[in-house]
Amino acid sequence: MQQLFLFLALVFSLTFIFGLLLEKIRVPWIFSALLIGNLLVFYNPFYMVTSSQAFTFLAELGMYFLLFIIGFEIDLTKMKKAGKFILKSTFFIIFLEAFFGTIIIHFVLGYELFISFIVALSFATVGEEILIPILDEFKIINTKLGQSIIGIGILDDVLEVLILIVVIFVVGTSSYAPINIGFTILALFLLFALTFGLTKLEKTGKRFNFLDIEILFLFVLFVFFLFLGIGAYAHAIPIAAFLAGIALKTFVPEKRLQKIESEIKTMCYGFFAPIFFIGIGLSIDINYVLAFPFLLLLVILTSNGAKLLGSYLVARKELGLKNSILLGIGLSARFSTSIIVIKILFENNIIDNKLYSIIIASSIIFTFVVPILLSTLLARWKIPRSQTPAKLP
């Protein structure tokens, strides 16, 4: 236990220091935890800690809190406002990359076609949270380019949720045992029923306007862990965490929601999320990455090439040549829910360490390269700025 405390102290201090350095090159500070995990692969004096049940439990809670926040932040109103261009661009660009990715995973690595498609589709999604600070700095959020990136990122969130649901169902029923399938269906039904029920109790939720933040926070934790407990019976904890976020966002009054949201994010990003990303970094097998550099390069070139080609084909007339290229580069950003999906597939032995390590390694490269390249081209090409809101194309 003493080693665990010392390990956490070291981890949070290094995450803070490295995070400040990463933010200077426009890379999210939380990414430093993933890099720390990668470094521990080479030399890990805390092996007894990182292989303990306590560390594994904290890392899993980090994943569940991240999924909870994703559900907490989904804005269906914004998704409904997406224009035809955004809708068409989202599915064309992402599915084009998923198509080429499926070919590589299926024919080169030998996975079943369905699993290959799920992995490729999850990897094709966009980590728009990396791009928003860059768009804001260059004052292009309200331009057609900025709104296109954000709009595609918003619709991409819906796709990520659908992928997550499919993955959870595949994992929950992978044993094909009738009792497991029954538990899965029953647990999912109960989870969706609770979610629907809380969304319909909006008037009852208004009573929470008069509760202290501390009591409201305890209620949020109660609902969160109740959903996790039900989801655990059918190996559907990730979708349970996500549904808990959706249910509470509708149930808790908006004014109180804004206050409690900051508390939840502080707990998640300040404590649990860094441990989760360290766990991801530790789970990478560097030997596979070093042994198959051409496979890693093939994944990177195929993924980025598909995004650039798709953006050029669908956005050249609407945005212009340079903006279509910038759109493709921006949409190549990773570090989104897809990492959680890949982690779930790996932990349930649906994909092996080789594919998992290659995908995570490529995500690391994209996370570093995309912000730097996008910022450089925005400055060099002098993309017009806008101070007035722009409608989604």
Protein backbone atom coordinates (compact mmCIF):
# COMPACT_ATOMS: atom_id res chain seq x y z
CA MET A 1 0.00 0.00 0.00
CA GLN A 2 2.90 2.34 0.72
CA GLN A 3 4.22 1.80 -2.81
CA LEU A 4 0.80 2.62 -4.27
CA PHE A 5 0.72 5.97 -2.48
CA LEU A 6 4.24 6.84 -3.62
CA PHE A 7 3.43 5.73 -7.16
CA LEU A 8 0.34 7.95 -7.32
CA ALA A 9 2.31 10.90 -5.95
CA LEU A 10 4.96 10.42 -8.64
CA VAL A 11 2.39 9.91 -11.40
CA PHE A 12 0.39 13.05 -10.65
CA SER A 13 3.50 15.21 -10.30
CA LEU A 14 4.94 13.98 -13.61
CA THR A 15 1.57 14.31 -15.33
CA PHE A 16 1.41 17.92 -14.18
CA ILE A 17 4.95 18.75 -15.32
CA PHE A 18 4.80 16.95 -18.67
CA GLY A 19 1.29 18.27 -19.22
CA LEU A 20 2.47 21.88 -19.05
CA LEU A 21 5.13 21.11 -21.66
CA LEU A 22 2.68 19.35 -23.98
CA GLU A 23 0.19 22.20 -23.87
CA LYS A 24 2.87 24.47 -25.35
CA ILE A 25 2.74 22.40 -28.55
CA ARG A 26 -1.09 22.27 -28.39
CA VAL A 27 -1.30 18.66 -27.24
CA PRO A 28 -3.84 18.00 -24.41
CA TRP A 29 -2.14 17.75 -21.01
CA ILE A 30 -3.88 14.45 -20.17
CA PHE A 31 -1.86 12.87 -22.96
CA SER A 32 1.20 13.07 -20.69
CA ALA A 33 -0.23 10.21 -18.60
CA LEU A 34 -0.23 7.96 -21.67
CA LEU A 35 3.41 8.84 -22.33
CA ILE A 36 4.32 8.05 -18.72
CA GLY A 37 2.73 4.64 -19.19
CA ASN A 38 4.81 4.13 -22.35
CA LEU A 39 8.00 4.99 -20.46
CA LEU A 40 7.14 2.51 -17.72
CA VAL A 41 7.10 -0.23 -20.35
CA PHE A 42 10.88 0.16 -20.68
CA TYR A 43 11.62 0.48 -16.97
CA ASN A 44 8.99 -0.01 -14.29
CA PRO A 45 10.23 0.05 -10.67
CA PHE A 46 6.56 -0.04 -9.62
CA TYR A 47 5.68 -3.30 -11.34
CA MET A 48 4.07 -4.72 -8.19
CA VAL A 49 1.82 -1.66 -8.04
CA THR A 50 0.83 -1.47 -11.72
CA SER A 51 0.03 -5.20 -11.79
CA SER A 52 -2.05 -5.08 -8.59
CA GLN A 53 -5.83 -5.32 -8.38
CA ALA A 54 -6.00 -1.88 -6.76
CA PHE A 55 -4.35 -0.20 -9.77
CA THR A 56 -6.50 -2.17 -12.22
CA PHE A 57 -9.64 -1.15 -10.35
CA LEU A 58 -8.68 2.54 -10.38
CA ALA A 59 -7.82 2.38 -14.10
CA GLU A 60 -11.17 0.78 -14.92
CA LEU A 61 -13.00 3.43 -12.90
CA GLY A 62 -11.15 6.02 -14.97
CA MET A 63 -12.57 4.50 -18.16
CA TYR A 64 -16.08 4.38 -16.71
CA PHE A 65 -15.96 7.99 -15.53
CA LEU A 66 -14.80 9.08 -18.98
CA LEU A 67 -17.74 7.28 -20.57
CA PHE A 68 -20.03 8.83 -17.96
CA ILE A 69 -18.83 12.31 -18.92
CA ILE A 70 -19.31 11.55 -22.62
CA GLY A 71 -22.95 10.73 -21.91
CA PHE A 72 -23.15 13.79 -19.68
CA GLU A 73 -21.99 16.11 -22.48
CA ILE A 74 -23.92 14.79 -25.48
CA ASP A 75 -26.01 17.62 -26.93
CA LEU A 76 -28.76 16.21 -29.15
CA THR A 77 -29.89 19.73 -30.08
CA LYS A 78 -26.58 20.51 -31.77
CA MET A 79 -26.69 17.21 -33.63
CA LYS A 80 -30.13 18.03 -35.02
CA LYS A 81 -28.79 21.32 -36.42
CA ALA A 82 -26.13 19.63 -38.55
CA GLY A 83 -26.55 20.52 -42.22
CA LYS A 84 -26.65 18.15 -45.18
CA PHE A 85 -23.01 18.84 -46.01
CA ILE A 86 -21.93 17.89 -42.47
CA LEU A 87 -24.04 14.75 -42.55
CA LYS A 88 -22.72 13.68 -45.93
CA SER A 89 -19.12 14.54 -45.07
CA THR A 90 -19.17 12.68 -41.76
CA PHE A 91 -20.29 9.36 -43.16
CA PHE A 92 -18.34 9.57 -46.42
CA ILE A 93 -15.00 10.45 -44.82
CA ILE A 94 -15.24 8.07 -41.86
CA PHE A 95 -16.58 5.12 -43.83
CA LEU A 96 -13.95 5.61 -46.53
CA GLU A 97 -11.23 5.28 -43.91
CA ALA A 98 -13.07 2.36 -42.32
CA PHE A 99 -13.25 0.63 -45.71
CA PHE A 100 -9.48 0.77 -46.30
CA GLY A 101 -8.80 -0.07 -42.66
CA THR A 102 -11.02 -3.14 -42.87
CA ILE A 103 -9.07 -4.39 -45.89
CA ILE A 104 -5.75 -4.10 -44.06
CA ILE A 105 -6.94 -5.70 -40.82
CA HIS A 106 -8.76 -8.50 -42.61
CA PHE A 107 -6.24 -9.44 -45.30
CA VAL A 108 -2.96 -8.48 -43.63
CA LEU A 109 -3.69 -9.45 -40.02
CA GLY A 110 -6.23 -12.19 -40.69
CA TYR A 111 -9.16 -11.03 -38.55
CA GLU A 112 -12.78 -11.85 -39.34
CA LEU A 113 -14.44 -9.32 -41.61
CA PHE A 114 -16.93 -8.10 -38.98
CA ILE A 115 -14.27 -7.58 -36.30
CA SER A 116 -12.00 -5.92 -38.87
CA PHE A 117 -14.77 -3.47 -39.76
CA ILE A 118 -15.57 -2.64 -36.11
CA VAL A 119 -11.89 -2.01 -35.30
CA ALA A 120 -11.38 0.08 -38.45
CA LEU A 121 -14.55 2.06 -37.86
CA SER A 122 -13.65 2.85 -34.26
CA PHE A 123 -10.16 3.92 -35.34
CA ALA A 124 -11.64 6.17 -38.05
CA THR A 125 -13.45 8.38 -35.54
CA VAL A 126 -12.36 11.90 -34.65
CA GLY A 127 -10.93 13.38 -31.44
CA GLU A 128 -12.33 16.87 -31.95
CA GLU A 129 -11.47 17.93 -28.39
CA ILE A 130 -7.84 18.23 -29.52
CA LEU A 131 -8.76 20.64 -32.33
CA ILE A 132 -11.05 23.13 -30.57
CA PRO A 133 -8.22 25.06 -28.80
CA ILE A 134 -6.37 25.39 -32.14
CA LEU A 135 -9.47 26.60 -33.97
CA ASP A 136 -10.13 29.08 -31.18
CA GLU A 137 -6.55 30.38 -31.18
CA PHE A 138 -6.64 31.08 -34.93
CA LYS A 139 -10.18 32.48 -34.64
CA ILE A 140 -11.65 30.18 -37.27
CA ILE A 141 -14.27 28.42 -35.14
CA ASN A 142 -17.01 30.51 -36.80
CA THR A 143 -15.73 29.97 -40.34
CA LYS A 144 -17.07 27.24 -42.63
CA LEU A 145 -13.89 25.24 -42.02
CA GLY A 146 -14.19 25.49 -38.24
CA GLN A 147 -17.90 24.74 -38.21
CA SER A 148 -17.36 21.78 -40.54
CA ILE A 149 -14.72 20.26 -38.24
CA ILE A 150 -16.89 20.78 -35.15
CA GLY A 151 -20.05 19.58 -36.89
CA ILE A 152 -18.40 16.41 -38.15
CA GLY A 153 -16.95 15.86 -34.69
CA ILE A 154 -20.41 16.18 -33.12
CA LEU A 155 -22.01 13.67 -35.49
CA ASP A 156 -18.96 11.47 -35.03
CA ASP A 157 -19.86 11.24 -31.33
CA VAL A 158 -23.12 9.54 -32.30
CA LEU A 159 -21.21 7.03 -34.40
CA GLU A 160 -18.81 6.36 -31.54
CA VAL A 161 -21.73 5.61 -29.23
CA LEU A 162 -23.23 3.17 -31.74
CA ILE A 163 -19.85 1.43 -32.12
CA LEU A 164 -19.58 1.20 -28.34
CA ILE A 165 -23.03 -0.39 -28.07
CA VAL A 166 -22.15 -2.96 -30.76
CA VAL A 167 -18.83 -3.76 -29.07
CA ILE A 168 -20.48 -4.18 -25.65
CA PHE A 169 -23.07 -6.51 -27.14
CA VAL A 170 -20.38 -8.56 -28.90
CA VAL A 171 -18.33 -8.79 -25.69
CA GLY A 172 -21.37 -9.59 -23.54
CA THR A 173 -22.51 -12.42 -25.79
CA SER A 174 -19.13 -13.72 -26.92
CA SER A 175 -19.43 -16.91 -24.89
CA TYR A 176 -22.74 -17.76 -26.61
CA ALA A 177 -24.01 -19.29 -23.36
CA PRO A 178 -27.82 -18.91 -23.11
CA ILE A 179 -27.65 -17.71 -19.50
CA ASN A 180 -25.14 -14.99 -20.47
CA ILE A 181 -27.28 -13.83 -23.38
CA GLY A 182 -30.29 -13.73 -21.07
CA PHE A 183 -28.43 -11.68 -18.48
CA THR A 184 -27.18 -9.35 -21.19
CA ILE A 185 -30.66 -8.71 -22.58
CA LEU A 186 -32.19 -8.35 -19.11
CA ALA A 187 -29.47 -5.98 -17.86
CA LEU A 188 -29.58 -3.84 -21.00
CA PHE A 189 -33.37 -3.65 -20.79
CA LEU A 190 -33.17 -2.57 -17.16
CA LEU A 191 -30.49 0.01 -17.94
CA PHE A 192 -32.47 1.55 -20.79
CA ALA A 193 -35.62 1.47 -18.66
CA LEU A 194 -33.87 3.34 -15.83
CA THR A 195 -32.43 5.82 -18.32
CA PHE A 196 -35.84 6.42 -19.92
CA GLY A 197 -37.46 6.65 -16.50
CA LEU A 198 -35.08 9.32 -15.22
CA THR A 199 -35.47 11.37 -18.41
CA LYS A 200 -39.23 11.37 -17.81
CA LEU A 201 -38.88 12.56 -14.21
CA GLU A 202 -37.70 16.05 -15.12
CA LYS A 203 -40.31 17.72 -12.88
CA THR A 204 -39.20 15.61 -9.93
CA GLY A 205 -35.60 16.55 -10.67
CA LYS A 206 -36.44 20.22 -10.17
CA ARG A 207 -36.57 19.54 -6.44
CA PHE A 208 -32.78 19.17 -6.60
CA ASN A 209 -32.57 22.95 -7.09
CA PHE A 210 -32.83 23.23 -3.32
CA LEU A 211 -30.22 20.62 -2.39
CA ASP A 212 -26.65 21.38 -1.42
CA ILE A 213 -23.97 20.56 -4.01
CA GLU A 214 -22.49 17.94 -1.68
CA ILE A 215 -25.79 16.05 -1.40
CA LEU A 216 -26.41 16.33 -5.14
CA PHE A 217 -22.90 14.98 -5.78
CA LEU A 218 -23.65 11.96 -3.58
CA PHE A 219 -26.86 11.35 -5.55
CA VAL A 220 -24.91 11.45 -8.82
CA LEU A 221 -22.43 8.90 -7.46
CA PHE A 222 -25.33 6.70 -6.29
CA VAL A 223 -26.87 6.64 -9.78
CA PHE A 224 -23.47 6.13 -11.41
CA PHE A 225 -22.54 3.08 -9.34
CA LEU A 226 -26.10 1.70 -9.49
CA PHE A 227 -25.85 1.66 -13.29
CA LEU A 228 -22.38 0.09 -13.12
CA GLY A 229 -23.64 -2.63 -10.78
CA ILE A 230 -26.49 -3.55 -13.12
CA GLY A 231 -24.22 -3.45 -16.16
CA ALA A 232 -21.69 -5.74 -14.47
CA TYR A 233 -24.11 -8.68 -14.58
CA ALA A 234 -23.93 -8.78 -18.38
CA HIS A 235 -20.38 -7.44 -18.90
CA ALA A 236 -21.97 -4.19 -20.07
CA ILE A 237 -20.40 -1.77 -17.59
CA PRO A 238 -19.13 0.71 -20.24
CA ILE A 239 -22.56 1.22 -21.79
CA ALA A 240 -24.02 1.45 -18.26
CA ALA A 241 -21.63 4.30 -17.43
CA PHE A 242 -22.57 6.07 -20.64
CA LEU A 243 -26.31 5.70 -20.02
CA ALA A 244 -25.90 6.98 -16.45
CA GLY A 245 -24.47 10.21 -17.86
CA ILE A 246 -27.37 10.63 -20.30
CA ALA A 247 -29.97 9.93 -17.62
CA LEU A 248 -28.53 12.36 -15.07
CA LYS A 249 -28.09 15.13 -17.61
CA THR A 250 -31.83 15.08 -18.29
CA PHE A 251 -32.91 14.50 -14.69
CA VAL A 252 -30.79 17.08 -12.88
CA PRO A 253 -31.94 20.72 -13.39
CA GLU A 254 -29.76 22.71 -15.78
CA LYS A 255 -28.63 25.29 -13.23
CA ARG A 256 -27.50 22.62 -10.80
CA LEU A 257 -26.09 20.58 -13.65
CA GLN A 258 -23.59 23.29 -14.53
CA LYS A 259 -22.25 23.33 -10.97
CA ILE A 260 -22.12 19.58 -10.46
CA GLU A 261 -20.57 19.04 -13.90
CA SER A 262 -17.40 20.88 -12.89
CA GLU A 263 -17.15 18.75 -9.75
CA ILE A 264 -17.46 15.52 -11.74
CA LYS A 265 -14.92 16.61 -14.37
CA THR A 266 -12.46 17.60 -11.68
CA MET A 267 -12.71 14.19 -10.06
CA CYS A 268 -12.49 12.37 -13.39
CA TYR A 269 -9.71 14.28 -15.14
CA GLY A 270 -7.85 15.15 -11.98
CA PHE A 271 -7.66 11.65 -10.51
CA PHE A 272 -9.15 8.70 -12.40
CA ALA A 273 -8.41 9.55 -16.07
CA PRO A 274 -4.60 9.84 -15.67
CA ILE A 275 -4.51 6.38 -14.08
CA PHE A 276 -6.60 4.99 -16.95
CA PHE A 277 -4.26 6.40 -19.59
CA ILE A 278 -1.21 5.15 -17.72
CA GLY A 279 -2.80 1.71 -17.86
CA ILE A 280 -3.22 2.03 -21.62
CA GLY A 281 0.40 3.07 -22.02
CA LEU A 282 1.56 0.13 -19.92
CA SER A 283 -0.49 -2.36 -21.94
CA ILE A 284 1.32 -1.56 -25.20
CA ASP A 285 3.84 -4.15 -26.31
CA ILE A 286 6.74 -2.11 -27.67
CA ASN A 287 8.27 -5.24 -29.19
CA TYR A 288 5.39 -5.49 -31.64
CA VAL A 289 5.74 -1.83 -32.59
CA LEU A 290 9.49 -2.18 -33.16
CA ALA A 291 9.13 -5.53 -34.94
CA PHE A 292 6.50 -4.29 -37.41
CA PRO A 293 7.44 -0.70 -38.31
CA PHE A 294 6.14 -1.08 -41.86
CA LEU A 295 2.74 -2.22 -40.57
CA LEU A 296 2.60 0.84 -38.32
CA LEU A 297 3.55 3.04 -41.29
CA LEU A 298 0.91 1.33 -43.45
CA VAL A 299 -1.79 2.00 -40.84
CA ILE A 300 -0.77 5.66 -40.53
CA LEU A 301 -0.57 6.27 -44.30
CA THR A 302 -3.83 4.44 -44.99
CA SER A 303 -5.72 6.22 -42.23
CA ASN A 304 -4.44 9.71 -42.98
CA GLY A 305 -4.58 9.17 -46.73
CA ALA A 306 -8.23 8.08 -46.56
CA LYS A 307 -9.15 11.13 -44.44
CA LEU A 308 -7.38 13.50 -46.86
CA LEU A 309 -8.88 11.82 -49.93
CA GLY A 310 -12.37 11.79 -48.44
CA SER A 311 -12.14 15.43 -47.38
CA TYR A 312 -10.86 16.47 -50.79
CA LEU A 313 -13.63 14.64 -52.66
CA VAL A 314 -16.49 15.81 -50.49
CA ALA A 315 -15.37 19.32 -49.46
CA ARG A 316 -13.27 20.74 -52.32
CA LYS A 317 -16.18 22.54 -53.99
CA GLU A 318 -17.77 23.62 -50.71
CA LEU A 319 -14.65 24.80 -48.84
CA GLY A 320 -11.92 25.14 -51.46
CA LEU A 321 -8.72 23.16 -52.00
CA LYS A 322 -6.68 24.38 -49.00
CA ASN A 323 -9.58 24.18 -46.58
CA SER A 324 -10.44 20.66 -47.74
CA ILE A 325 -6.85 19.61 -47.00
CA LEU A 326 -6.99 21.28 -43.58
CA LEU A 327 -10.28 19.50 -42.94
CA GLY A 328 -8.67 16.13 -43.69
CA ILE A 329 -5.70 16.89 -41.44
CA GLY A 330 -7.93 18.08 -38.60
CA LEU A 331 -10.18 15.05 -38.78
CA SER A 332 -7.10 12.81 -38.45
CA ALA A 333 -6.91 13.70 -34.76
CA ARG A 334 -7.39 10.70 -32.49
CA PHE A 335 -7.58 10.30 -28.69
CA SER A 336 -11.36 9.94 -28.46
CA THR A 337 -13.81 7.25 -27.37
CA SER A 338 -12.17 4.96 -29.93
CA ILE A 339 -9.32 4.32 -27.48
CA ILE A 340 -11.84 2.99 -24.96
CA VAL A 341 -13.43 0.78 -27.63
CA ILE A 342 -10.05 -0.66 -28.63
CA LYS A 343 -9.21 -1.24 -24.94
CA ILE A 344 -12.45 -3.17 -24.41
CA LEU A 345 -11.80 -5.35 -27.46
CA PHE A 346 -8.27 -6.07 -26.27
CA GLU A 347 -9.22 -6.89 -22.68
CA ASN A 348 -11.82 -9.38 -23.93
CA ASN A 349 -9.33 -11.09 -26.27
CA ILE A 350 -11.21 -10.08 -29.42
CA ILE A 351 -8.05 -8.43 -30.77
CA ASP A 352 -4.50 -9.40 -29.88
CA ASN A 353 -1.62 -7.38 -28.46
CA LYS A 354 -0.07 -6.85 -31.88
CA LEU A 355 -3.07 -5.02 -33.38
CA TYR A 356 -3.78 -3.22 -30.11
CA SER A 357 -0.21 -1.93 -29.81
CA ILE A 358 -0.09 -0.81 -33.45
CA ILE A 359 -3.35 1.13 -33.14
CA ILE A 360 -2.41 2.84 -29.88
CA ALA A 361 1.07 3.69 -31.23
CA SER A 362 -0.46 5.23 -34.36
CA SER A 363 -2.89 7.20 -32.17
CA ILE A 364 0.06 8.61 -30.24
CA ILE A 365 1.74 9.70 -33.47
CA PHE A 366 -1.46 11.30 -34.79
CA THR A 367 -2.04 13.13 -31.51
CA PHE A 368 1.38 14.76 -31.74
CA VAL A 369 1.55 15.40 -35.48
CA VAL A 370 -1.96 16.69 -36.21
CA PRO A 371 -1.98 19.74 -33.84
CA ILE A 372 1.49 20.82 -34.96
CA LEU A 373 0.82 20.32 -38.68
CA LEU A 374 -2.61 21.95 -38.54
CA SER A 375 -1.30 24.99 -36.64
CA THR A 376 1.62 25.38 -39.05
CA LEU A 377 -0.56 25.26 -42.18
CA LEU A 378 -3.18 27.60 -40.71
CA ALA A 379 -0.46 30.18 -40.05
CA ARG A 380 1.35 29.67 -43.37
CA TRP A 381 -1.76 29.69 -45.58
CA LYS A 382 -3.28 32.64 -43.68
CA ILE A 383 -6.77 31.18 -43.58
CA PRO A 384 -9.38 33.98 -43.28
CA ARG A 385 -10.76 34.52 -39.81
CA SER A 386 -14.31 35.31 -38.79
CA GLN A 387 -15.73 37.07 -35.76
CA THR A 388 -19.37 36.35 -36.60
CA PRO A 389 -21.17 33.01 -36.26
CA ALA A 390 -21.29 30.89 -39.40
CA LYS A 391 -24.06 28.46 -40.22
CA LEU A 392 -23.15 24.83 -40.72
CA PRO A 393 -22.83 24.21 -44.47
